[in-house]
Amino acid sequence: MLPVIQTMALITLTSDWGKKDHYAGMVKGTILSKIPGAIIVDIAHDIPHYNLNSASFVLKNSFRAFPAGTIHIIDIVADATIEMPHVVVVYDGHYFIGTDNGIFSLIFDHEPEQIFEIDLIQDTDTFTFSARDIFIIVAQHIVEGKPLSEVGPVRKKLTTKISLKPVTSATLIKGHVIFIDSYENVFTNITRDIFFNVSQKRPFLITFGPSRYKVSKISQSYKDVAEGEIMALFSSTSHLQIAVSMGNAAGLLGLKIDDSVRVEFA
């Protein structure tokens, strides 16, 4: 059974358009022209350009906060190819519209309920702005309650993009930096579950950065340490996070995406 669309369509936007250009305004205006009364929520538009990993992290950790039936439009590396077409996907009660370039495999934890390739004739003569010219047409189709089979043929499987997982042993977790937020807090791919499954309540040492900074405790909030002190805590996403109280951890500690983070246990 397909998710139920609310009386007012709820549509989210995730992109790398930035905030100074006209792209977001064009898409929002087109949505409201085609779907009057739609509620539009910007999840993020400052994703680093073409960065599927950052976009997937943001959307994976935010879409479940929205009610079932929400339509999520994703415009990151949106040009379609034969191998990576535009698709509409039903997953855990939500609709996702975007390009099958691997981003969905990074967002989803299991196979989606339905996948359809988008094979619709757009009503413009340009082919560089998929969110405006294709994805909104699909969102309108969904809101009007039309069958997804009218959008295009069934696609059996999504393109897979492999995300690196932490390496664990009895005394060690080797992870890496996967996201840096606007406060320059550093998120790792080490989750709370992985950490405590290995730790077994043993003392530990977290090591990171070019200067091999070390932290030996998990804080509960940013105020648990003095201003300017380095800390580790589990974020609201359940990922191990490196931060500096009232400071910019990434810049101060020299941390970048893909840098290694080690947790050694006694």
C-alpha atoms as a PDB file:
ATOM      1  CA  MET A   1       0.000   0.000   0.000  1.00  0.00           C
ATOM      2  CA  LEU A   2       1.322   3.428  -0.914  1.00  0.00           C
ATOM      3  CA  PRO A   3       1.854   6.125   1.728  1.00  0.00           C
ATOM      4  CA  VAL A   4      -1.098   8.432   2.285  1.00  0.00           C
ATOM      5  CA  ILE A   5      -0.555  12.014   1.120  1.00  0.00           C
ATOM      6  CA  GLN A   6      -1.740  14.613   3.604  1.00  0.00           C
ATOM      7  CA  THR A   7      -4.448  17.128   2.593  1.00  0.00           C
ATOM      8  CA  MET A   8      -1.661  19.647   2.029  1.00  0.00           C
ATOM      9  CA  ALA A   9       1.288  18.170   0.157  1.00  0.00           C
ATOM     10  CA  LEU A  10       4.510  18.253   2.181  1.00  0.00           C
ATOM     11  CA  ILE A  11       7.592  18.498  -0.046  1.00  0.00           C
ATOM     12  CA  THR A  12      11.208  18.727   1.111  1.00  0.00           C
ATOM     13  CA  LEU A  13      14.161  19.959  -0.920  1.00  0.00           C
ATOM     14  CA  THR A  14      17.780  18.839  -0.583  1.00  0.00           C
ATOM     15  CA  SER A  15      20.355  20.228  -2.997  1.00  0.00           C
ATOM     16  CA  ASP A  16      23.781  21.758  -3.561  1.00  0.00           C
ATOM     17  CA  TRP A  17      22.303  24.948  -5.077  1.00  0.00           C
ATOM     18  CA  GLY A  18      23.477  27.231  -2.286  1.00  0.00           C
ATOM     19  CA  LYS A  19      21.485  30.247  -1.129  1.00  0.00           C
ATOM     20  CA  LYS A  20      22.707  33.102  -3.300  1.00  0.00           C
ATOM     21  CA  ASP A  21      21.445  31.845  -6.663  1.00  0.00           C
ATOM     22  CA  HIS A  22      18.011  31.642  -8.229  1.00  0.00           C
ATOM     23  CA  TYR A  23      17.630  27.863  -8.269  1.00  0.00           C
ATOM     24  CA  ALA A  24      15.762  27.355  -4.992  1.00  0.00           C
ATOM     25  CA  GLY A  25      13.405  30.220  -5.805  1.00  0.00           C
ATOM     26  CA  MET A  26      12.610  28.803  -9.239  1.00  0.00           C
ATOM     27  CA  VAL A  27      11.860  25.357  -7.840  1.00  0.00           C
ATOM     28  CA  LYS A  28       9.686  26.665  -4.993  1.00  0.00           C
ATOM     29  CA  GLY A  29       7.748  28.927  -7.334  1.00  0.00           C
ATOM     30  CA  THR A  30       7.165  26.072  -9.769  1.00  0.00           C
ATOM     31  CA  ILE A  31       5.984  23.789  -6.963  1.00  0.00           C
ATOM     32  CA  LEU A  32       3.464  26.350  -5.773  1.00  0.00           C
ATOM     33  CA  SER A  33       2.261  26.960  -9.343  1.00  0.00           C
ATOM     34  CA  LYS A  34       1.689  23.258  -9.992  1.00  0.00           C
ATOM     35  CA  ILE A  35       0.712  22.190  -6.463  1.00  0.00           C
ATOM     36  CA  PRO A  36      -1.112  25.143  -4.849  1.00  0.00           C
ATOM     37  CA  GLY A  37      -0.996  25.086  -1.061  1.00  0.00           C
ATOM     38  CA  ALA A  38       2.012  22.774  -0.889  1.00  0.00           C
ATOM     39  CA  ILE A  39       4.156  23.040   2.218  1.00  0.00           C
ATOM     40  CA  ILE A  40       7.811  23.302   1.173  1.00  0.00           C
ATOM     41  CA  VAL A  41      10.601  22.545   3.646  1.00  0.00           C
ATOM     42  CA  ASP A  42      14.266  23.214   2.879  1.00  0.00           C
ATOM     43  CA  ILE A  43      16.316  20.419   4.397  1.00  0.00           C
ATOM     44  CA  ALA A  44      19.631  21.752   3.054  1.00  0.00           C
ATOM     45  CA  HIS A  45      20.961  23.697   0.066  1.00  0.00           C
ATOM     46  CA  ASP A  46      24.551  24.174   1.228  1.00  0.00           C
ATOM     47  CA  ILE A  47      25.631  20.606   0.521  1.00  0.00           C
ATOM     48  CA  PRO A  48      29.183  20.695  -0.939  1.00  0.00           C
ATOM     49  CA  HIS A  49      28.805  20.584  -4.709  1.00  0.00           C
ATOM     50  CA  TYR A  50      28.268  17.094  -6.143  1.00  0.00           C
ATOM     51  CA  ASN A  51      28.874  15.504  -2.727  1.00  0.00           C
ATOM     52  CA  LEU A  52      26.576  12.495  -2.481  1.00  0.00           C
ATOM     53  CA  ASN A  53      28.013  11.391   0.859  1.00  0.00           C
ATOM     54  CA  SER A  54      27.240  14.674   2.607  1.00  0.00           C
ATOM     55  CA  ALA A  55      23.789  14.875   1.038  1.00  0.00           C
ATOM     56  CA  SER A  56      22.930  11.332   2.056  1.00  0.00           C
ATOM     57  CA  PHE A  57      24.106  11.943   5.640  1.00  0.00           C
ATOM     58  CA  VAL A  58      21.868  14.999   5.956  1.00  0.00           C
ATOM     59  CA  LEU A  59      18.805  13.336   4.444  1.00  0.00           C
ATOM     60  CA  LYS A  60      19.286   9.973   6.182  1.00  0.00           C
ATOM     61  CA  ASN A  61      19.301  11.740   9.535  1.00  0.00           C
ATOM     62  CA  SER A  62      16.338  14.018   8.858  1.00  0.00           C
ATOM     63  CA  PHE A  63      13.687  12.384   6.669  1.00  0.00           C
ATOM     64  CA  ARG A  64      12.191  10.226   9.427  1.00  0.00           C
ATOM     65  CA  ALA A  65      11.252  13.363  11.358  1.00  0.00           C
ATOM     66  CA  PHE A  66       8.661  14.065   8.649  1.00  0.00           C
ATOM     67  CA  PRO A  67       5.242  12.386   8.523  1.00  0.00           C
ATOM     68  CA  ALA A  68       4.475   9.475   6.242  1.00  0.00           C
ATOM     69  CA  GLY A  69       3.570  10.577   2.754  1.00  0.00           C
ATOM     70  CA  THR A  70       6.194  13.333   2.614  1.00  0.00           C
ATOM     71  CA  ILE A  71       7.764  13.823  -0.823  1.00  0.00           C
ATOM     72  CA  HIS A  72      11.536  14.364  -0.795  1.00  0.00           C
ATOM     73  CA  ILE A  73      13.077  15.988  -3.885  1.00  0.00           C
ATOM     74  CA  ILE A  74      16.845  15.513  -4.136  1.00  0.00           C
ATOM     75  CA  ASP A  75      18.922  17.497  -6.622  1.00  0.00           C
ATOM     76  CA  ILE A  76      22.551  16.370  -6.307  1.00  0.00           C
ATOM     77  CA  VAL A  77      24.326  15.327  -9.531  1.00  0.00           C
ATOM     78  CA  ALA A  78      20.860  15.233 -11.042  1.00  0.00           C
ATOM     79  CA  ASP A  79      21.559  14.710 -14.741  1.00  0.00           C
ATOM     80  CA  ALA A  80      20.243  11.314 -15.839  1.00  0.00           C
ATOM     81  CA  THR A  81      22.004   8.670 -17.924  1.00  0.00           C
ATOM     82  CA  ILE A  82      20.891   5.294 -19.250  1.00  0.00           C
ATOM     83  CA  GLU A  83      22.674   3.597 -16.347  1.00  0.00           C
ATOM     84  CA  MET A  84      21.556   6.150 -13.758  1.00  0.00           C
ATOM     85  CA  PRO A  85      18.049   7.345 -14.641  1.00  0.00           C
ATOM     86  CA  HIS A  86      15.697   9.602 -12.746  1.00  0.00           C
ATOM     87  CA  VAL A  87      13.601   7.564 -10.305  1.00  0.00           C
ATOM     88  CA  VAL A  88      10.810   7.810  -7.778  1.00  0.00           C
ATOM     89  CA  VAL A  89      11.217   5.503  -4.793  1.00  0.00           C
ATOM     90  CA  VAL A  90       8.852   4.503  -1.991  1.00  0.00           C
ATOM     91  CA  TYR A  91      10.720   3.780   1.233  1.00  0.00           C
ATOM     92  CA  ASP A  92       9.364   3.478   4.797  1.00  0.00           C
ATOM     93  CA  GLY A  93       6.248   5.467   3.977  1.00  0.00           C
ATOM     94  CA  HIS A  94       8.055   8.288   2.164  1.00  0.00           C
ATOM     95  CA  TYR A  95       8.477   9.226  -1.494  1.00  0.00           C
ATOM     96  CA  PHE A  96      11.932  10.080  -2.820  1.00  0.00           C
ATOM     97  CA  ILE A  97      12.471  11.693  -6.222  1.00  0.00           C
ATOM     98  CA  GLY A  98      15.951  12.062  -7.668  1.00  0.00           C
ATOM     99  CA  THR A  99      18.638  10.472  -9.789  1.00  0.00           C
ATOM    100  CA  ASP A 100      19.713   6.870  -9.224  1.00  0.00           C
ATOM    101  CA  ASN A 101      23.382   7.819  -8.869  1.00  0.00           C
ATOM    102  CA  GLY A 102      23.983   5.842  -5.678  1.00  0.00           C
ATOM    103  CA  ILE A 103      22.625   8.341  -3.179  1.00  0.00           C
ATOM    104  CA  PHE A 104      19.601   6.216  -2.290  1.00  0.00           C
ATOM    105  CA  SER A 105      21.778   3.257  -1.337  1.00  0.00           C
ATOM    106  CA  LEU A 106      23.551   5.570   1.132  1.00  0.00           C
ATOM    107  CA  ILE A 107      20.282   6.834   2.630  1.00  0.00           C
ATOM    108  CA  PHE A 108      18.373   3.559   2.928  1.00  0.00           C
ATOM    109  CA  ASP A 109      19.038   0.787   5.455  1.00  0.00           C
ATOM    110  CA  HIS A 110      17.066  -1.836   3.513  1.00  0.00           C
ATOM    111  CA  GLU A 111      15.483  -2.394   0.120  1.00  0.00           C
ATOM    112  CA  PRO A 112      12.732   0.105  -0.769  1.00  0.00           C
ATOM    113  CA  GLU A 113       9.147  -0.998  -1.303  1.00  0.00           C
ATOM    114  CA  GLN A 114       8.903   0.315  -4.876  1.00  0.00           C
ATOM    115  CA  ILE A 115      11.185   1.830  -7.532  1.00  0.00           C
ATOM    116  CA  PHE A 116      10.042   3.382 -10.807  1.00  0.00           C
ATOM    117  CA  GLU A 117      12.150   4.934 -13.533  1.00  0.00           C
ATOM    118  CA  ILE A 118      10.814   8.310 -14.569  1.00  0.00           C
ATOM    119  CA  ASP A 119       9.823   8.418 -18.226  1.00  0.00           C
ATOM    120  CA  LEU A 120       7.801  11.591 -18.606  1.00  0.00           C
ATOM    121  CA  ILE A 121       7.816  14.335 -21.207  1.00  0.00           C
ATOM    122  CA  GLN A 122       8.865  17.592 -19.578  1.00  0.00           C
ATOM    123  CA  ASP A 123       7.154  20.841 -20.457  1.00  0.00           C
ATOM    124  CA  THR A 124      10.344  22.853 -21.038  1.00  0.00           C
ATOM    125  CA  ASP A 125      12.962  22.655 -23.767  1.00  0.00           C
ATOM    126  CA  THR A 126      16.013  22.692 -21.479  1.00  0.00           C
ATOM    127  CA  PHE A 127      17.590  19.638 -19.878  1.00  0.00           C
ATOM    128  CA  THR A 128      19.816  21.105 -17.177  1.00  0.00           C
ATOM    129  CA  PHE A 129      17.400  21.595 -14.287  1.00  0.00           C
ATOM    130  CA  SER A 130      15.838  18.250 -13.426  1.00  0.00           C
ATOM    131  CA  ALA A 131      14.313  19.351 -10.123  1.00  0.00           C
ATOM    132  CA  ARG A 132      12.205  22.018 -11.816  1.00  0.00           C
ATOM    133  CA  ASP A 133      11.497  20.296 -15.126  1.00  0.00           C
ATOM    134  CA  ILE A 134      11.018  16.634 -14.102  1.00  0.00           C
ATOM    135  CA  PHE A 135      10.902  16.052 -10.352  1.00  0.00           C
ATOM    136  CA  ILE A 136       8.088  18.531  -9.689  1.00  0.00           C
ATOM    137  CA  ILE A 137       5.954  16.876 -12.370  1.00  0.00           C
ATOM    138  CA  VAL A 138       6.391  13.581 -10.509  1.00  0.00           C
ATOM    139  CA  ALA A 139       5.536  15.233  -7.179  1.00  0.00           C
ATOM    140  CA  GLN A 140       2.367  16.638  -8.739  1.00  0.00           C
ATOM    141  CA  HIS A 141       1.523  13.176 -10.070  1.00  0.00           C
ATOM    142  CA  ILE A 142       1.873  11.737  -6.548  1.00  0.00           C
ATOM    143  CA  VAL A 143      -0.180  14.484  -4.911  1.00  0.00           C
ATOM    144  CA  GLU A 144      -2.986  13.952  -7.438  1.00  0.00           C
ATOM    145  CA  GLY A 145      -3.131  10.290  -6.409  1.00  0.00           C
ATOM    146  CA  LYS A 146      -2.181   8.845  -9.769  1.00  0.00           C
ATOM    147  CA  PRO A 147      -0.514   5.405  -9.961  1.00  0.00           C
ATOM    148  CA  LEU A 148       3.269   5.476  -9.947  1.00  0.00           C
ATOM    149  CA  SER A 149       3.190   2.997 -12.820  1.00  0.00           C
ATOM    150  CA  GLU A 150       2.132   5.920 -15.022  1.00  0.00           C
ATOM    151  CA  VAL A 151       5.432   7.672 -14.271  1.00  0.00           C
ATOM    152  CA  GLY A 152       7.505   4.969 -15.941  1.00  0.00           C
ATOM    153  CA  PRO A 153       8.592   1.333 -15.780  1.00  0.00           C
ATOM    154  CA  VAL A 154       9.516  -0.579 -12.656  1.00  0.00           C
ATOM    155  CA  ARG A 155      13.230  -0.553 -11.828  1.00  0.00           C
ATOM    156  CA  LYS A 156      14.332  -3.745 -10.133  1.00  0.00           C
ATOM    157  CA  LYS A 157      17.321  -2.441  -8.208  1.00  0.00           C
ATOM    158  CA  LEU A 158      18.974   0.818  -7.224  1.00  0.00           C
ATOM    159  CA  THR A 159      22.532   1.762  -8.099  1.00  0.00           C
ATOM    160  CA  THR A 160      24.812   0.915  -5.187  1.00  0.00           C
ATOM    161  CA  LYS A 161      27.422   3.265  -3.769  1.00  0.00           C
ATOM    162  CA  ILE A 162      29.478   1.650  -1.034  1.00  0.00           C
ATOM    163  CA  SER A 163      29.971   3.613   2.171  1.00  0.00           C
ATOM    164  CA  LEU A 164      33.002   2.726   4.249  1.00  0.00           C
ATOM    165  CA  LYS A 165      32.216   0.987   7.522  1.00  0.00           C
ATOM    166  CA  PRO A 166      34.311   1.081  10.695  1.00  0.00           C
ATOM    167  CA  VAL A 167      36.773  -1.766  11.137  1.00  0.00           C
ATOM    168  CA  THR A 168      36.541  -3.410  14.538  1.00  0.00           C
ATOM    169  CA  SER A 169      38.496  -5.913  16.600  1.00  0.00           C
ATOM    170  CA  ALA A 170      38.410  -6.906  20.265  1.00  0.00           C
ATOM    171  CA  THR A 171      40.414  -3.842  21.303  1.00  0.00           C
ATOM    172  CA  LEU A 172      40.100  -1.354  18.433  1.00  0.00           C
ATOM    173  CA  ILE A 173      37.632   0.579  16.267  1.00  0.00           C
ATOM    174  CA  LYS A 174      39.061   2.246  13.168  1.00  0.00           C
ATOM    175  CA  GLY A 175      36.656   4.752  11.676  1.00  0.00           C
ATOM    176  CA  HIS A 176      36.823   7.960   9.680  1.00  0.00           C
ATOM    177  CA  VAL A 177      35.270  11.414   9.366  1.00  0.00           C
ATOM    178  CA  ILE A 178      32.113  11.402   7.233  1.00  0.00           C
ATOM    179  CA  PHE A 179      30.577  14.854   7.808  1.00  0.00           C
ATOM    180  CA  ILE A 180      31.438  18.303   9.133  1.00  0.00           C
ATOM    181  CA  ASP A 181      28.541  20.570  10.075  1.00  0.00           C
ATOM    182  CA  SER A 182      28.339  24.368   9.894  1.00  0.00           C
ATOM    183  CA  TYR A 183      29.708  24.643  13.457  1.00  0.00           C
ATOM    184  CA  GLU A 184      32.658  22.517  12.279  1.00  0.00           C
ATOM    185  CA  ASN A 185      31.657  19.705  14.596  1.00  0.00           C
ATOM    186  CA  VAL A 186      33.128  16.502  13.183  1.00  0.00           C
ATOM    187  CA  PHE A 187      30.963  13.409  12.681  1.00  0.00           C
ATOM    188  CA  THR A 188      32.523   9.954  12.352  1.00  0.00           C
ATOM    189  CA  ASN A 189      31.093   6.727  10.973  1.00  0.00           C
ATOM    190  CA  ILE A 190      31.422   5.147  14.433  1.00  0.00           C
ATOM    191  CA  THR A 191      27.937   4.802  15.864  1.00  0.00           C
ATOM    192  CA  ARG A 192      26.859   4.499  19.477  1.00  0.00           C
ATOM    193  CA  ASP A 193      25.943   0.819  18.972  1.00  0.00           C
ATOM    194  CA  ILE A 194      29.301  -0.061  17.425  1.00  0.00           C
ATOM    195  CA  PHE A 195      31.172   1.785  20.171  1.00  0.00           C
ATOM    196  CA  PHE A 196      29.405   0.130  23.097  1.00  0.00           C
ATOM    197  CA  ASN A 197      29.369  -3.315  21.484  1.00  0.00           C
ATOM    198  CA  VAL A 198      33.161  -3.235  21.417  1.00  0.00           C
ATOM    199  CA  SER A 199      33.821  -1.228  24.573  1.00  0.00           C
ATOM    200  CA  GLN A 200      32.198  -3.548  27.113  1.00  0.00           C
ATOM    201  CA  LYS A 201      32.586  -0.669  29.609  1.00  0.00           C
ATOM    202  CA  ARG A 202      36.395  -0.700  29.314  1.00  0.00           C
ATOM    203  CA  PRO A 203      38.586   2.419  29.442  1.00  0.00           C
ATOM    204  CA  PHE A 204      39.371   3.811  26.000  1.00  0.00           C
ATOM    205  CA  LEU A 205      41.387   6.393  24.101  1.00  0.00           C
ATOM    206  CA  ILE A 206      40.074   8.189  21.007  1.00  0.00           C
ATOM    207  CA  THR A 207      42.884   9.423  18.734  1.00  0.00           C
ATOM    208  CA  PHE A 208      42.474  11.723  15.734  1.00  0.00           C
ATOM    209  CA  GLY A 209      43.933  14.580  13.713  1.00  0.00           C
ATOM    210  CA  PRO A 210      47.403  15.264  12.334  1.00  0.00           C
ATOM    211  CA  SER A 211      48.643  16.127  15.839  1.00  0.00           C
ATOM    212  CA  ARG A 212      47.152  12.903  17.233  1.00  0.00           C
ATOM    213  CA  TYR A 213      44.789  14.541  19.698  1.00  0.00           C
ATOM    214  CA  LYS A 214      43.410  12.236  22.369  1.00  0.00           C
ATOM    215  CA  VAL A 215      40.124  12.059  24.309  1.00  0.00           C
ATOM    216  CA  SER A 216      39.426   9.455  26.976  1.00  0.00           C
ATOM    217  CA  LYS A 217      35.813  10.092  27.928  1.00  0.00           C
ATOM    218  CA  ILE A 218      32.400  10.544  26.321  1.00  0.00           C
ATOM    219  CA  SER A 219      30.608  13.763  27.225  1.00  0.00           C
ATOM    220  CA  GLN A 220      26.841  14.125  27.326  1.00  0.00           C
ATOM    221  CA  SER A 221      26.588  17.741  26.123  1.00  0.00           C
ATOM    222  CA  TYR A 222      28.744  20.548  24.757  1.00  0.00           C
ATOM    223  CA  LYS A 223      28.733  22.219  28.172  1.00  0.00           C
ATOM    224  CA  ASP A 224      30.329  19.251  29.950  1.00  0.00           C
ATOM    225  CA  VAL A 225      33.820  20.653  29.378  1.00  0.00           C
ATOM    226  CA  ALA A 226      35.418  24.080  29.664  1.00  0.00           C
ATOM    227  CA  GLU A 227      35.233  26.475  26.720  1.00  0.00           C
ATOM    228  CA  GLY A 228      37.911  25.619  24.149  1.00  0.00           C
ATOM    229  CA  GLU A 229      38.368  22.045  25.398  1.00  0.00           C
ATOM    230  CA  ILE A 230      38.323  19.116  22.964  1.00  0.00           C
ATOM    231  CA  MET A 231      35.544  16.617  23.569  1.00  0.00           C
ATOM    232  CA  ALA A 232      33.845  13.517  22.175  1.00  0.00           C
ATOM    233  CA  LEU A 233      30.127  12.810  22.418  1.00  0.00           C
ATOM    234  CA  PHE A 234      27.347  10.988  20.612  1.00  0.00           C
ATOM    235  CA  SER A 235      25.293  13.345  18.487  1.00  0.00           C
ATOM    236  CA  SER A 236      21.549  13.258  17.938  1.00  0.00           C
ATOM    237  CA  THR A 237      22.325  11.082  14.894  1.00  0.00           C
ATOM    238  CA  SER A 238      24.006   8.507  17.215  1.00  0.00           C
ATOM    239  CA  HIS A 239      27.374   9.069  15.511  1.00  0.00           C
ATOM    240  CA  LEU A 240      30.534   9.636  17.527  1.00  0.00           C
ATOM    241  CA  GLN A 241      31.309  13.347  17.211  1.00  0.00           C
ATOM    242  CA  ILE A 242      34.486  15.288  17.858  1.00  0.00           C
ATOM    243  CA  ALA A 243      33.886  18.862  18.995  1.00  0.00           C
ATOM    244  CA  VAL A 244      35.497  21.828  20.707  1.00  0.00           C
ATOM    245  CA  SER A 245      33.324  23.538  23.289  1.00  0.00           C
ATOM    246  CA  MET A 246      32.292  26.916  21.816  1.00  0.00           C
ATOM    247  CA  GLY A 247      34.857  26.376  19.047  1.00  0.00           C
ATOM    248  CA  ASN A 248      35.331  25.053  15.515  1.00  0.00           C
ATOM    249  CA  ALA A 249      36.725  21.542  15.832  1.00  0.00           C
ATOM    250  CA  ALA A 250      37.497  20.825  12.177  1.00  0.00           C
ATOM    251  CA  GLY A 251      39.546  23.977  11.665  1.00  0.00           C
ATOM    252  CA  LEU A 252      41.226  23.985  15.068  1.00  0.00           C
ATOM    253  CA  LEU A 253      42.142  20.298  14.983  1.00  0.00           C
ATOM    254  CA  GLY A 254      42.949  20.056  11.271  1.00  0.00           C
ATOM    255  CA  LEU A 255      40.281  17.450  10.589  1.00  0.00           C
ATOM    256  CA  LYS A 256      38.876  16.780   7.113  1.00  0.00           C
ATOM    257  CA  ILE A 257      36.433  14.371   5.492  1.00  0.00           C
ATOM    258  CA  ASP A 258      37.897  10.826   5.334  1.00  0.00           C
ATOM    259  CA  ASP A 259      40.481  11.468   8.070  1.00  0.00           C
ATOM    260  CA  SER A 260      40.912   8.480  10.362  1.00  0.00           C
ATOM    261  CA  VAL A 261      39.641   8.224  13.932  1.00  0.00           C
ATOM    262  CA  ARG A 262      40.797   5.404  16.225  1.00  0.00           C
ATOM    263  CA  VAL A 263      39.248   4.150  19.441  1.00  0.00           C
ATOM    264  CA  GLU A 264      41.544   1.856  21.435  1.00  0.00           C
ATOM    265  CA  PHE A 265      40.233  -0.091  24.421  1.00  0.00           C
ATOM    266  CA  ALA A 266      42.177  -1.393  27.400  1.00  0.00           C
END
